[in-house]
Structures are given as C-alpha cells and as structure tokens.
Amino acid sequence: SDITVVNRSEEKGAALAELIDQKTAASAKFVAWN
C-alpha cells in the first residue's frame, strides 16, 4: 500500500519514490538518510 524510500542520495531516493508514486497503485515518499 505504501513504500518509504530511505537513502543518502536525495536524487536517487526521490526518483525511486516518484516512480512508485506515479507509475503504480502504491503511495511512496522519500526520507533523507542523514
């Protein structure tokens, strides 16, 4: 149902969350791993 992507690189992490959010039925968000 929902996926949280936790990653040090914002570019890659945000891109993956956006892909899931826009291309699948799941909701997704990115959290910076700092």
PDB file of all heavy atoms in Angstrom:
ATOM      1  N   SER A   1       0.809  -1.222   0.000  1.00  0.00           N
ATOM      2  CA  SER A   1       0.000   0.000   0.000  1.00  0.00           C
ATOM      3  C   SER A   1       0.837   1.264   0.000  1.00  0.00           C
ATOM      4  O   SER A   1       0.506   2.238  -0.681  1.00  0.00           O
ATOM      5  CB  SER A   1      -0.938   0.004   1.200  1.00  0.00           C
ATOM      6  OG  SER A   1      -0.195  -0.048   2.417  1.00  0.00           O
ATOM      7  N   ASP A   2       1.925   1.265   0.781  1.00  0.00           N
ATOM      8  CA  ASP A   2       2.788   2.447   0.795  1.00  0.00           C
ATOM      9  C   ASP A   2       4.233   2.041   1.046  1.00  0.00           C
ATOM     10  O   ASP A   2       4.510   1.076   1.760  1.00  0.00           O
ATOM     11  CB  ASP A   2       2.317   3.463   1.833  1.00  0.00           C
ATOM     12  CG  ASP A   2       2.309   2.916   3.246  1.00  0.00           C
ATOM     13  OD1 ASP A   2       1.327   2.269   3.626  1.00  0.00           O
ATOM     14  OD2 ASP A   2       3.306   3.135   3.959  1.00  0.00           O
ATOM     15  N   ILE A   3       5.122   2.795   0.427  1.00  0.00           N
ATOM     16  CA  ILE A   3       6.547   2.481   0.458  1.00  0.00           C
ATOM     17  C   ILE A   3       7.329   3.744   0.795  1.00  0.00           C
ATOM     18  O   ILE A   3       7.160   4.788   0.143  1.00  0.00           O
ATOM     19  CB  ILE A   3       7.018   1.921  -0.903  1.00  0.00           C
ATOM     20  CG1 ILE A   3       6.294   0.598  -1.197  1.00  0.00           C
ATOM     21  CG2 ILE A   3       8.536   1.727  -0.925  1.00  0.00           C
ATOM     22  CD1 ILE A   3       6.544   0.045  -2.590  1.00  0.00           C
ATOM     23  N   THR A   4       8.178   3.656   1.807  1.00  0.00           N
ATOM     24  CA  THR A   4       9.065   4.762   2.171  1.00  0.00           C
ATOM     25  C   THR A   4      10.477   4.403   1.743  1.00  0.00           C
ATOM     26  O   THR A   4      11.005   3.358   2.136  1.00  0.00           O
ATOM     27  CB  THR A   4       9.032   5.029   3.685  1.00  0.00           C
ATOM     28  OG1 THR A   4       7.702   5.376   4.074  1.00  0.00           O
ATOM     29  CG2 THR A   4       9.975   6.173   4.052  1.00  0.00           C
ATOM     30  N   VAL A   5      11.091   5.257   0.938  1.00  0.00           N
ATOM     31  CA  VAL A   5      12.447   5.048   0.455  1.00  0.00           C
ATOM     32  C   VAL A   5      13.394   5.899   1.297  1.00  0.00           C
ATOM     33  O   VAL A   5      13.268   7.132   1.335  1.00  0.00           O
ATOM     34  CB  VAL A   5      12.585   5.443  -1.029  1.00  0.00           C
ATOM     35  CG1 VAL A   5      14.019   5.229  -1.509  1.00  0.00           C
ATOM     36  CG2 VAL A   5      11.601   4.650  -1.883  1.00  0.00           C
ATOM     37  N   VAL A   6      14.323   5.250   1.982  1.00  0.00           N
ATOM     38  CA  VAL A   6      15.277   5.947   2.845  1.00  0.00           C
ATOM     39  C   VAL A   6      16.658   5.813   2.200  1.00  0.00           C
ATOM     40  O   VAL A   6      17.173   4.704   2.038  1.00  0.00           O
ATOM     41  CB  VAL A   6      15.286   5.332   4.261  1.00  0.00           C
ATOM     42  CG1 VAL A   6      16.254   6.074   5.169  1.00  0.00           C
ATOM     43  CG2 VAL A   6      13.878   5.338   4.846  1.00  0.00           C
ATOM     44  N   ASN A   7      17.258   6.948   1.840  1.00  0.00           N
ATOM     45  CA  ASN A   7      18.518   6.890   1.091  1.00  0.00           C
ATOM     46  C   ASN A   7      19.352   8.134   1.346  1.00  0.00           C
ATOM     47  O   ASN A   7      18.824   9.212   1.618  1.00  0.00           O
ATOM     48  CB  ASN A   7      18.228   6.764  -0.408  1.00  0.00           C
ATOM     49  CG  ASN A   7      19.435   6.306  -1.192  1.00  0.00           C
ATOM     50  OD1 ASN A   7      20.014   5.263  -0.889  1.00  0.00           O
ATOM     51  ND2 ASN A   7      19.837   7.073  -2.194  1.00  0.00           N
ATOM     52  N   ARG A   8      20.669   7.978   1.260  1.00  0.00           N
ATOM     53  CA  ARG A   8      21.564   9.122   1.493  1.00  0.00           C
ATOM     54  C   ARG A   8      21.554  10.073   0.301  1.00  0.00           C
ATOM     55  O   ARG A   8      21.647  11.278   0.467  1.00  0.00           O
ATOM     56  CB  ARG A   8      22.981   8.623   1.796  1.00  0.00           C
ATOM     57  CG  ARG A   8      23.023   7.752   3.048  1.00  0.00           C
ATOM     58  CD  ARG A   8      24.417   7.585   3.608  1.00  0.00           C
ATOM     59  NE  ARG A   8      24.421   6.654   4.739  1.00  0.00           N
ATOM     60  CZ  ARG A   8      24.036   6.958   5.961  1.00  0.00           C
ATOM     61  NH1 ARG A   8      23.598   8.176   6.233  1.00  0.00           N
ATOM     62  NH2 ARG A   8      24.070   6.048   6.930  1.00  0.00           N
ATOM     63  N   SER A   9      21.474   9.540  -0.904  1.00  0.00           N
ATOM     64  CA  SER A   9      21.406  10.384  -2.097  1.00  0.00           C
ATOM     65  C   SER A   9      19.956  10.796  -2.344  1.00  0.00           C
ATOM     66  O   SER A   9      19.105   9.945  -2.624  1.00  0.00           O
ATOM     67  CB  SER A   9      21.938   9.630  -3.324  1.00  0.00           C
ATOM     68  OG  SER A   9      21.547  10.272  -4.517  1.00  0.00           O
ATOM     69  N   GLU A  10      19.680  12.084  -2.246  1.00  0.00           N
ATOM     70  CA  GLU A  10      18.313  12.558  -2.465  1.00  0.00           C
ATOM     71  C   GLU A  10      17.880  12.326  -3.910  1.00  0.00           C
ATOM     72  O   GLU A  10      16.724  11.965  -4.168  1.00  0.00           O
ATOM     73  CB  GLU A  10      18.200  14.047  -2.125  1.00  0.00           C
ATOM     74  CG  GLU A  10      16.797  14.590  -2.333  1.00  0.00           C
ATOM     75  CD  GLU A  10      16.663  16.044  -1.915  1.00  0.00           C
ATOM     76  OE1 GLU A  10      17.637  16.601  -1.361  1.00  0.00           O
ATOM     77  OE2 GLU A  10      15.579  16.613  -2.134  1.00  0.00           O
ATOM     78  N   GLU A  11      18.790  12.511  -4.850  1.00  0.00           N
ATOM     79  CA  GLU A  11      18.435  12.373  -6.259  1.00  0.00           C
ATOM     80  C   GLU A  11      17.896  10.979  -6.570  1.00  0.00           C
ATOM     81  O   GLU A  11      16.825  10.823  -7.166  1.00  0.00           O
ATOM     82  CB  GLU A  11      19.658  12.670  -7.137  1.00  0.00           C
ATOM     83  CG  GLU A  11      19.365  12.578  -8.635  1.00  0.00           C
ATOM     84  CD  GLU A  11      20.576  12.901  -9.492  1.00  0.00           C
ATOM     85  OE1 GLU A  11      21.669  13.155  -8.933  1.00  0.00           O
ATOM     86  OE2 GLU A  11      20.439  12.889 -10.723  1.00  0.00           O
ATOM     87  N   LYS A  12      18.625   9.948  -6.146  1.00  0.00           N
ATOM     88  CA  LYS A  12      18.197   8.575  -6.431  1.00  0.00           C
ATOM     89  C   LYS A  12      16.986   8.178  -5.596  1.00  0.00           C
ATOM     90  O   LYS A  12      16.065   7.523  -6.096  1.00  0.00           O
ATOM     91  CB  LYS A  12      19.351   7.604  -6.177  1.00  0.00           C
ATOM     92  CG  LYS A  12      20.498   7.726  -7.158  1.00  0.00           C
ATOM     93  CD  LYS A  12      21.621   6.762  -6.842  1.00  0.00           C
ATOM     94  CE  LYS A  12      21.221   5.330  -7.102  1.00  0.00           C
ATOM     95  NZ  LYS A  12      22.361   4.385  -6.912  1.00  0.00           N
ATOM     96  N   GLY A  13      16.997   8.555  -4.333  1.00  0.00           N
ATOM     97  CA  GLY A  13      15.889   8.185  -3.462  1.00  0.00           C
ATOM     98  C   GLY A  13      14.587   8.831  -3.867  1.00  0.00           C
ATOM     99  O   GLY A  13      13.531   8.178  -3.921  1.00  0.00           O
ATOM    100  N   ALA A  14      14.623  10.127  -4.162  1.00  0.00           N
ATOM    101  CA  ALA A  14      13.410  10.839  -4.564  1.00  0.00           C
ATOM    102  C   ALA A  14      12.902  10.325  -5.906  1.00  0.00           C
ATOM    103  O   ALA A  14      11.688  10.238  -6.119  1.00  0.00           O
ATOM    104  CB  ALA A  14      13.687  12.336  -4.630  1.00  0.00           C
ATOM    105  N   ALA A  15      13.826   9.987  -6.802  1.00  0.00           N
ATOM    106  CA  ALA A  15      13.425   9.475  -8.119  1.00  0.00           C
ATOM    107  C   ALA A  15      12.694   8.146  -7.989  1.00  0.00           C
ATOM    108  O   ALA A  15      11.695   7.903  -8.685  1.00  0.00           O
ATOM    109  CB  ALA A  15      14.647   9.324  -9.013  1.00  0.00           C
ATOM    110  N   LEU A  16      13.165   7.270  -7.096  1.00  0.00           N
ATOM    111  CA  LEU A  16      12.504   5.982  -6.901  1.00  0.00           C
ATOM    112  C   LEU A  16      11.122   6.179  -6.278  1.00  0.00           C
ATOM    113  O   LEU A  16      10.139   5.561  -6.712  1.00  0.00           O
ATOM    114  CB  LEU A  16      13.359   5.077  -6.011  1.00  0.00           C
ATOM    115  CG  LEU A  16      12.750   3.721  -5.642  1.00  0.00           C
ATOM    116  CD1 LEU A  16      12.308   2.955  -6.881  1.00  0.00           C
ATOM    117  CD2 LEU A  16      13.743   2.896  -4.814  1.00  0.00           C
ATOM    118  N   ALA A  17      11.029   7.035  -5.281  1.00  0.00           N
ATOM    119  CA  ALA A  17       9.732   7.293  -4.652  1.00  0.00           C
ATOM    120  C   ALA A  17       8.745   7.878  -5.666  1.00  0.00           C
ATOM    121  O   ALA A  17       7.569   7.493  -5.704  1.00  0.00           O
ATOM    122  CB  ALA A  17       9.902   8.244  -3.467  1.00  0.00           C
ATOM    123  N   GLU A  18       9.223   8.780  -6.501  1.00  0.00           N
ATOM    124  CA  GLU A  18       8.363   9.382  -7.523  1.00  0.00           C
ATOM    125  C   GLU A  18       7.882   8.339  -8.531  1.00  0.00           C
ATOM    126  O   GLU A  18       6.710   8.341  -8.944  1.00  0.00           O
ATOM    127  CB  GLU A  18       9.117  10.495  -8.247  1.00  0.00           C
ATOM    128  CG  GLU A  18       8.278  11.224  -9.284  1.00  0.00           C
ATOM    129  CD  GLU A  18       9.042  12.350  -9.970  1.00  0.00           C
ATOM    130  OE1 GLU A  18      10.270  12.469  -9.741  1.00  0.00           O
ATOM    131  OE2 GLU A  18       8.409  13.102 -10.740  1.00  0.00           O
ATOM    132  N   LEU A  19       8.789   7.431  -8.928  1.00  0.00           N
ATOM    133  CA  LEU A  19       8.421   6.366  -9.856  1.00  0.00           C
ATOM    134  C   LEU A  19       7.287   5.521  -9.287  1.00  0.00           C
ATOM    135  O   LEU A  19       6.284   5.250  -9.965  1.00  0.00           O
ATOM    136  CB  LEU A  19       9.635   5.479 -10.135  1.00  0.00           C
ATOM    137  CG  LEU A  19       9.368   4.186 -10.920  1.00  0.00           C
ATOM    138  CD1 LEU A  19       9.017   4.495 -12.357  1.00  0.00           C
ATOM    139  CD2 LEU A  19      10.569   3.257 -10.846  1.00  0.00           C
ATOM    140  N   ILE A  20       7.441   5.076  -8.034  1.00  0.00           N
ATOM    141  CA  ILE A  20       6.424   4.241  -7.390  1.00  0.00           C
ATOM    142  C   ILE A  20       5.112   4.994  -7.262  1.00  0.00           C
ATOM    143  O   ILE A  20       4.027   4.470  -7.533  1.00  0.00           O
ATOM    144  CB  ILE A  20       6.910   3.774  -6.004  1.00  0.00           C
ATOM    145  CG1 ILE A  20       8.182   2.922  -6.123  1.00  0.00           C
ATOM    146  CG2 ILE A  20       5.811   3.003  -5.290  1.00  0.00           C
ATOM    147  CD1 ILE A  20       8.026   1.699  -6.968  1.00  0.00           C
ATOM    148  N   ASP A  21       5.202   6.249  -6.863  1.00  0.00           N
ATOM    149  CA  ASP A  21       4.014   7.060  -6.627  1.00  0.00           C
ATOM    150  C   ASP A  21       3.226   7.307  -7.917  1.00  0.00           C
ATOM    151  O   ASP A  21       1.990   7.297  -7.914  1.00  0.00           O
ATOM    152  CB  ASP A  21       4.430   8.396  -6.006  1.00  0.00           C
ATOM    153  CG  ASP A  21       3.379   8.952  -5.051  1.00  0.00           C
ATOM    154  OD1 ASP A  21       2.698   8.145  -4.391  1.00  0.00           O
ATOM    155  OD2 ASP A  21       3.244  10.177  -4.987  1.00  0.00           O
ATOM    156  N   GLN A  22       3.941   7.503  -9.015  1.00  0.00           N
ATOM    157  CA  GLN A  22       3.287   7.884 -10.271  1.00  0.00           C
ATOM    158  C   GLN A  22       2.928   6.699 -11.155  1.00  0.00           C
ATOM    159  O   GLN A  22       1.974   6.783 -11.934  1.00  0.00           O
ATOM    160  CB  GLN A  22       4.182   8.857 -11.048  1.00  0.00           C
ATOM    161  CG  GLN A  22       4.368  10.196 -10.367  1.00  0.00           C
ATOM    162  CD  GLN A  22       5.142  11.186 -11.221  1.00  0.00           C
ATOM    163  OE1 GLN A  22       5.596  10.871 -12.327  1.00  0.00           O
ATOM    164  NE2 GLN A  22       5.302  12.406 -10.728  1.00  0.00           N
ATOM    165  N   LYS A  23       3.686   5.608 -11.064  1.00  0.00           N
ATOM    166  CA  LYS A  23       3.516   4.516 -12.020  1.00  0.00           C
ATOM    167  C   LYS A  23       2.851   3.270 -11.439  1.00  0.00           C
ATOM    168  O   LYS A  23       2.601   2.315 -12.166  1.00  0.00           O
ATOM    169  CB  LYS A  23       4.874   4.128 -12.609  1.00  0.00           C
ATOM    170  CG  LYS A  23       5.596   5.250 -13.355  1.00  0.00           C
ATOM    171  CD  LYS A  23       4.842   5.658 -14.603  1.00  0.00           C
ATOM    172  CE  LYS A  23       5.636   6.701 -15.387  1.00  0.00           C
ATOM    173  NZ  LYS A  23       4.910   7.114 -16.622  1.00  0.00           N
ATOM    174  N   THR A  24       2.584   3.248 -10.142  1.00  0.00           N
ATOM    175  CA  THR A  24       1.934   2.089  -9.524  1.00  0.00           C
ATOM    176  C   THR A  24       0.794   2.576  -8.633  1.00  0.00           C
ATOM    177  O   THR A  24       0.621   3.784  -8.414  1.00  0.00           O
ATOM    178  CB  THR A  24       2.912   1.258  -8.671  1.00  0.00           C
ATOM    179  OG1 THR A  24       3.159   1.921  -7.424  1.00  0.00           O
ATOM    180  CG2 THR A  24       4.230   1.025  -9.403  1.00  0.00           C
ATOM    181  N   ALA A  25       0.037   1.634  -8.106  1.00  0.00           N
ATOM    182  CA  ALA A  25      -1.081   1.987  -7.228  1.00  0.00           C
ATOM    183  C   ALA A  25      -0.632   2.314  -5.808  1.00  0.00           C
ATOM    184  O   ALA A  25      -1.419   2.827  -5.000  1.00  0.00           O
ATOM    185  CB  ALA A  25      -2.088   0.836  -7.204  1.00  0.00           C
ATOM    186  N   ALA A  26       0.615   2.019  -5.481  1.00  0.00           N
ATOM    187  CA  ALA A  26       1.131   2.295  -4.133  1.00  0.00           C
ATOM    188  C   ALA A  26       1.467   3.775  -3.987  1.00  0.00           C
ATOM    189  O   ALA A  26       1.796   4.456  -4.959  1.00  0.00           O
ATOM    190  CB  ALA A  26       2.370   1.450  -3.867  1.00  0.00           C
ATOM    191  N   SER A  27       1.397   4.256  -2.754  1.00  0.00           N
ATOM    192  CA  SER A  27       1.879   5.605  -2.464  1.00  0.00           C
ATOM    193  C   SER A  27       3.302   5.492  -1.944  1.00  0.00           C
ATOM    194  O   SER A  27       3.663   4.495  -1.319  1.00  0.00           O
ATOM    195  CB  SER A  27       0.983   6.289  -1.435  1.00  0.00           C
ATOM    196  OG  SER A  27       1.009   5.595  -0.200  1.00  0.00           O
ATOM    197  N   ALA A  28       4.115   6.499  -2.225  1.00  0.00           N
ATOM    198  CA  ALA A  28       5.527   6.428  -1.831  1.00  0.00           C
ATOM    199  C   ALA A  28       6.041   7.796  -1.433  1.00  0.00           C
ATOM    200  O   ALA A  28       5.531   8.829  -1.885  1.00  0.00           O
ATOM    201  CB  ALA A  28       6.360   5.862  -2.972  1.00  0.00           C
ATOM    202  N   LYS A  29       7.047   7.778  -0.573  1.00  0.00           N
ATOM    203  CA  LYS A  29       7.708   9.027  -0.200  1.00  0.00           C
ATOM    204  C   LYS A  29       9.188   8.755   0.034  1.00  0.00           C
ATOM    205  O   LYS A  29       9.610   7.616   0.266  1.00  0.00           O
ATOM    206  CB  LYS A  29       7.077   9.630   1.049  1.00  0.00           C
ATOM    207  CG  LYS A  29       7.268   8.810   2.316  1.00  0.00           C
ATOM    208  CD  LYS A  29       6.656   9.518   3.519  1.00  0.00           C
ATOM    209  CE  LYS A  29       6.836   8.700   4.800  1.00  0.00           C
ATOM    210  NZ  LYS A  29       6.250   9.397   5.973  1.00  0.00           N
ATOM    211  N   PHE A  30       9.967   9.826  -0.028  1.00  0.00           N
ATOM    212  CA  PHE A  30      11.412   9.749   0.204  1.00  0.00           C
ATOM    213  C   PHE A  30      11.760  10.411   1.529  1.00  0.00           C
ATOM    214  O   PHE A  30      11.221  11.462   1.868  1.00  0.00           O
ATOM    215  CB  PHE A  30      12.166  10.443  -0.933  1.00  0.00           C
ATOM    216  CG  PHE A  30      13.605  10.745  -0.609  1.00  0.00           C
ATOM    217  CD1 PHE A  30      14.530   9.727  -0.495  1.00  0.00           C
ATOM    218  CD2 PHE A  30      14.019  12.061  -0.387  1.00  0.00           C
ATOM    219  CE1 PHE A  30      15.859   9.996  -0.176  1.00  0.00           C
ATOM    220  CE2 PHE A  30      15.343  12.342  -0.086  1.00  0.00           C
ATOM    221  CZ  PHE A  30      16.265  11.301   0.021  1.00  0.00           C
ATOM    222  N   VAL A  31      12.684   9.770   2.273  1.00  0.00           N
ATOM    223  CA  VAL A  31      13.213  10.340   3.511  1.00  0.00           C
ATOM    224  C   VAL A  31      14.738  10.337   3.418  1.00  0.00           C
ATOM    225  O   VAL A  31      15.342   9.296   3.112  1.00  0.00           O
ATOM    226  CB  VAL A  31      12.763   9.543   4.750  1.00  0.00           C
ATOM    227  CG1 VAL A  31      13.424  10.097   6.015  1.00  0.00           C
ATOM    228  CG2 VAL A  31      11.251   9.566   4.882  1.00  0.00           C
ATOM    229  N   ALA A  32      15.352  11.494   3.655  1.00  0.00           N
ATOM    230  CA  ALA A  32      16.812  11.588   3.606  1.00  0.00           C
ATOM    231  C   ALA A  32      17.423  10.823   4.774  1.00  0.00           C
ATOM    232  O   ALA A  32      16.976  10.962   5.923  1.00  0.00           O
ATOM    233  CB  ALA A  32      17.241  13.052   3.651  1.00  0.00           C
ATOM    234  N   TRP A  33      18.444  10.039   4.476  1.00  0.00           N
ATOM    235  CA  TRP A  33      19.106   9.200   5.494  1.00  0.00           C
ATOM    236  C   TRP A  33      20.379   9.909   5.952  1.00  0.00           C
ATOM    237  O   TRP A  33      21.472   9.569   5.554  1.00  0.00           O
ATOM    238  CB  TRP A  33      19.414   7.837   4.882  1.00  0.00           C
ATOM    239  CG  TRP A  33      19.687   6.763   5.890  1.00  0.00           C
ATOM    240  CD1 TRP A  33      19.652   6.834   7.238  1.00  0.00           C
ATOM    241  CD2 TRP A  33      20.036   5.409   5.582  1.00  0.00           C
ATOM    242  NE1 TRP A  33      19.953   5.636   7.811  1.00  0.00           N
ATOM    243  CE2 TRP A  33      20.196   4.735   6.813  1.00  0.00           C
ATOM    244  CE3 TRP A  33      20.240   4.710   4.392  1.00  0.00           C
ATOM    245  CZ2 TRP A  33      20.555   3.386   6.875  1.00  0.00           C
ATOM    246  CZ3 TRP A  33      20.583   3.377   4.454  1.00  0.00           C
ATOM    247  CH2 TRP A  33      20.743   2.714   5.683  1.00  0.00           C
ATOM    248  N   ASN A  34      20.228  10.907   6.808  1.00  0.00           N
ATOM    249  CA  ASN A  34      21.379  11.684   7.271  1.00  0.00           C
ATOM    250  C   ASN A  34      21.631  11.541   8.768  1.00  0.00           C
ATOM    251  O   ASN A  34      22.459  12.228   9.345  1.00  0.00           O
ATOM    252  CB  ASN A  34      21.208  13.166   6.905  1.00  0.00           C
ATOM    253  CG  ASN A  34      19.834  13.693   7.269  1.00  0.00           C
ATOM    254  OD1 ASN A  34      19.208  13.193   8.203  1.00  0.00           O
ATOM    255  ND2 ASN A  34      19.363  14.680   6.519  1.00  0.00           N
TER     256      ASN A  34
END
